[in-house]
Amino acid sequence: MKNFMFLFRGGLDPQSASPEEMQQNMEKWFAWVNDLQSKGIYTAGEALMPTGKTLHKNQVVTDGPFVESKEIVGGFFIVKAENLDAALEIAKGCPDLPLGGSVEVRDVVVFE
């Protein structure tokens, strides 16, 4: 099995969602993670804060990403799958897809 990274963007907007909607969404995420863990394919994952800094060449630091951006990466998972198609099938379980979110699926390069 190979490792794949899921990068999550968009989905439920915490600034406009009610506390109940946020709770329901989190329960769906926890259920999905528990399912992946029970199958032995979930390796790691975390949510990311909506703010940060970017370091560019010549040590230039800029603000961002910005909360208003629909392209902000909200979190990541590392999962195990046989190939990219299998990883895409796993990604279809993302609770944010029906809410307009997206999942970028990328092969993790292993240097040996």
C-alpha atoms as a PDB file:
ATOM      1  CA  MET A   1       0.000   0.000   0.000  1.00  0.00           C
ATOM      2  CA  LYS A   2       1.105   3.544  -0.707  1.00  0.00           C
ATOM      3  CA  ASN A   3       0.542   6.745   1.236  1.00  0.00           C
ATOM      4  CA  PHE A   4      -1.677   9.488  -0.139  1.00  0.00           C
ATOM      5  CA  MET A   5      -2.277  12.976   1.236  1.00  0.00           C
ATOM      6  CA  PHE A   6      -5.739  14.499   1.230  1.00  0.00           C
ATOM      7  CA  LEU A   7      -5.823  18.310   1.303  1.00  0.00           C
ATOM      8  CA  PHE A   8      -9.227  19.638   2.323  1.00  0.00           C
ATOM      9  CA  ARG A   9     -10.554  22.964   1.039  1.00  0.00           C
ATOM     10  CA  GLY A  10     -13.864  24.736   1.471  1.00  0.00           C
ATOM     11  CA  GLY A  11     -16.875  23.054   3.005  1.00  0.00           C
ATOM     12  CA  LEU A  12     -18.841  24.293   5.973  1.00  0.00           C
ATOM     13  CA  ASP A  13     -18.118  27.950   6.706  1.00  0.00           C
ATOM     14  CA  PRO A  14     -17.567  28.278  10.462  1.00  0.00           C
ATOM     15  CA  GLN A  15     -18.335  32.005  10.296  1.00  0.00           C
ATOM     16  CA  SER A  16     -21.871  31.464   9.005  1.00  0.00           C
ATOM     17  CA  ALA A  17     -22.740  28.020  10.446  1.00  0.00           C
ATOM     18  CA  SER A  18     -24.752  27.651  13.623  1.00  0.00           C
ATOM     19  CA  PRO A  19     -23.214  25.814  16.604  1.00  0.00           C
ATOM     20  CA  GLU A  20     -25.584  22.919  15.867  1.00  0.00           C
ATOM     21  CA  GLU A  21     -24.435  22.720  12.239  1.00  0.00           C
ATOM     22  CA  MET A  22     -20.810  22.814  13.366  1.00  0.00           C
ATOM     23  CA  GLN A  23     -21.444  20.005  15.863  1.00  0.00           C
ATOM     24  CA  GLN A  24     -23.222  17.858  13.261  1.00  0.00           C
ATOM     25  CA  ASN A  25     -20.390  18.413  10.787  1.00  0.00           C
ATOM     26  CA  MET A  26     -17.740  17.492  13.372  1.00  0.00           C
ATOM     27  CA  GLU A  27     -19.635  14.307  14.224  1.00  0.00           C
ATOM     28  CA  LYS A  28     -19.551  13.337  10.538  1.00  0.00           C
ATOM     29  CA  TRP A  29     -15.790  13.982  10.438  1.00  0.00           C
ATOM     30  CA  PHE A  30     -15.188  11.919  13.593  1.00  0.00           C
ATOM     31  CA  ALA A  31     -17.295   9.074  12.184  1.00  0.00           C
ATOM     32  CA  TRP A  32     -15.324   9.151   8.921  1.00  0.00           C
ATOM     33  CA  VAL A  33     -11.969   9.135  10.746  1.00  0.00           C
ATOM     34  CA  ASN A  34     -13.132   6.284  12.991  1.00  0.00           C
ATOM     35  CA  ASP A  35     -14.200   4.290   9.920  1.00  0.00           C
ATOM     36  CA  LEU A  36     -10.829   4.841   8.212  1.00  0.00           C
ATOM     37  CA  GLN A  37      -8.985   3.920  11.418  1.00  0.00           C
ATOM     38  CA  SER A  38     -11.013   0.727  11.813  1.00  0.00           C
ATOM     39  CA  LYS A  39      -9.975  -0.266   8.266  1.00  0.00           C
ATOM     40  CA  GLY A  40      -6.307   0.418   9.078  1.00  0.00           C
ATOM     41  CA  ILE A  41      -5.889   2.990   6.305  1.00  0.00           C
ATOM     42  CA  TYR A  42      -5.817   6.248   8.296  1.00  0.00           C
ATOM     43  CA  THR A  43      -2.233   7.230   9.127  1.00  0.00           C
ATOM     44  CA  ALA A  44      -2.465  10.847  10.304  1.00  0.00           C
ATOM     45  CA  GLY A  45      -4.451  14.027   9.955  1.00  0.00           C
ATOM     46  CA  GLU A  46      -5.128  17.385  11.507  1.00  0.00           C
ATOM     47  CA  ALA A  47      -7.218  20.479  10.999  1.00  0.00           C
ATOM     48  CA  LEU A  48      -5.296  23.659  10.234  1.00  0.00           C
ATOM     49  CA  MET A  49      -5.824  27.133  11.616  1.00  0.00           C
ATOM     50  CA  PRO A  50      -7.150  29.554   8.979  1.00  0.00           C
ATOM     51  CA  THR A  51      -4.247  31.985   9.391  1.00  0.00           C
ATOM     52  CA  GLY A  52      -0.507  31.748   8.921  1.00  0.00           C
ATOM     53  CA  LYS A  53       2.483  33.189   7.114  1.00  0.00           C
ATOM     54  CA  THR A  54       4.268  32.270   3.882  1.00  0.00           C
ATOM     55  CA  LEU A  55       8.052  32.326   3.554  1.00  0.00           C
ATOM     56  CA  HIS A  56       9.325  33.185   0.061  1.00  0.00           C
ATOM     57  CA  LYS A  57      12.802  33.288  -1.441  1.00  0.00           C
ATOM     58  CA  ASN A  58      15.112  35.943  -0.028  1.00  0.00           C
ATOM     59  CA  GLN A  59      13.395  35.359   3.346  1.00  0.00           C
ATOM     60  CA  VAL A  60      10.377  37.540   2.459  1.00  0.00           C
ATOM     61  CA  VAL A  61       7.415  36.764   4.723  1.00  0.00           C
ATOM     62  CA  THR A  62       3.830  37.544   3.720  1.00  0.00           C
ATOM     63  CA  ASP A  63       0.528  37.176   5.531  1.00  0.00           C
ATOM     64  CA  GLY A  64      -1.958  34.568   4.452  1.00  0.00           C
ATOM     65  CA  PRO A  65      -3.755  32.458   3.678  1.00  0.00           C
ATOM     66  CA  PHE A  66      -6.812  34.541   4.335  1.00  0.00           C
ATOM     67  CA  VAL A  67     -10.048  33.284   5.872  1.00  0.00           C
ATOM     68  CA  GLU A  68     -12.107  34.684   2.982  1.00  0.00           C
ATOM     69  CA  SER A  69     -10.335  32.436   0.479  1.00  0.00           C
ATOM     70  CA  LYS A  70     -12.255  29.388  -0.771  1.00  0.00           C
ATOM     71  CA  GLU A  71      -8.882  27.840  -1.623  1.00  0.00           C
ATOM     72  CA  ILE A  72      -7.567  27.802   1.935  1.00  0.00           C
ATOM     73  CA  VAL A  73      -6.369  24.375   3.044  1.00  0.00           C
ATOM     74  CA  GLY A  74      -8.415  23.548   6.141  1.00  0.00           C
ATOM     75  CA  GLY A  75      -6.703  20.292   7.008  1.00  0.00           C
ATOM     76  CA  PHE A  76      -5.037  17.131   5.794  1.00  0.00           C
ATOM     77  CA  PHE A  77      -5.051  13.352   6.130  1.00  0.00           C
ATOM     78  CA  ILE A  78      -2.491  10.734   5.227  1.00  0.00           C
ATOM     79  CA  VAL A  79      -4.178   7.483   4.182  1.00  0.00           C
ATOM     80  CA  LYS A  80      -3.017   4.174   2.762  1.00  0.00           C
ATOM     81  CA  ALA A  81      -4.387   2.932  -0.559  1.00  0.00           C
ATOM     82  CA  GLU A  82      -3.326   0.612  -3.361  1.00  0.00           C
ATOM     83  CA  ASN A  83      -3.314   3.377  -5.993  1.00  0.00           C
ATOM     84  CA  LEU A  84      -4.650   6.825  -6.840  1.00  0.00           C
ATOM     85  CA  ASP A  85      -8.050   5.518  -7.923  1.00  0.00           C
ATOM     86  CA  ALA A  86      -8.479   3.693  -4.606  1.00  0.00           C
ATOM     87  CA  ALA A  87      -7.429   6.854  -2.735  1.00  0.00           C
ATOM     88  CA  LEU A  88     -10.030   8.855  -4.679  1.00  0.00           C
ATOM     89  CA  GLU A  89     -12.701   6.354  -3.649  1.00  0.00           C
ATOM     90  CA  ILE A  90     -11.716   6.853  -0.010  1.00  0.00           C
ATOM     91  CA  ALA A  91     -11.808  10.648  -0.449  1.00  0.00           C
ATOM     92  CA  LYS A  92     -15.431  10.442  -1.611  1.00  0.00           C
ATOM     93  CA  GLY A  93     -16.369   9.942   2.052  1.00  0.00           C
ATOM     94  CA  CYS A  94     -15.305  13.491   2.958  1.00  0.00           C
ATOM     95  CA  PRO A  95     -18.163  15.157   4.865  1.00  0.00           C
ATOM     96  CA  ASP A  96     -17.451  18.542   3.258  1.00  0.00           C
ATOM     97  CA  LEU A  97     -17.994  17.439  -0.359  1.00  0.00           C
ATOM     98  CA  PRO A  98     -21.805  17.875  -0.207  1.00  0.00           C
ATOM     99  CA  LEU A  99     -21.193  21.347   1.255  1.00  0.00           C
ATOM    100  CA  GLY A 100     -19.100  22.522  -1.712  1.00  0.00           C
ATOM    101  CA  GLY A 101     -15.727  21.477  -0.320  1.00  0.00           C
ATOM    102  CA  SER A 102     -13.011  19.685  -2.241  1.00  0.00           C
ATOM    103  CA  VAL A 103     -10.334  17.093  -1.568  1.00  0.00           C
ATOM    104  CA  GLU A 104      -7.028  17.212  -3.406  1.00  0.00           C
ATOM    105  CA  VAL A 105      -5.499  13.716  -3.462  1.00  0.00           C
ATOM    106  CA  ARG A 106      -1.722  13.465  -3.871  1.00  0.00           C
ATOM    107  CA  ASP A 107       0.778  10.608  -3.893  1.00  0.00           C
ATOM    108  CA  VAL A 108       3.321  10.869  -1.073  1.00  0.00           C
ATOM    109  CA  VAL A 109       6.846  10.332  -2.409  1.00  0.00           C
ATOM    110  CA  VAL A 110       8.908   7.974  -0.273  1.00  0.00           C
ATOM    111  CA  PHE A 111      12.681   8.369  -0.526  1.00  0.00           C
ATOM    112  CA  GLU A 112      14.550   5.193   0.264  1.00  0.00           C
END
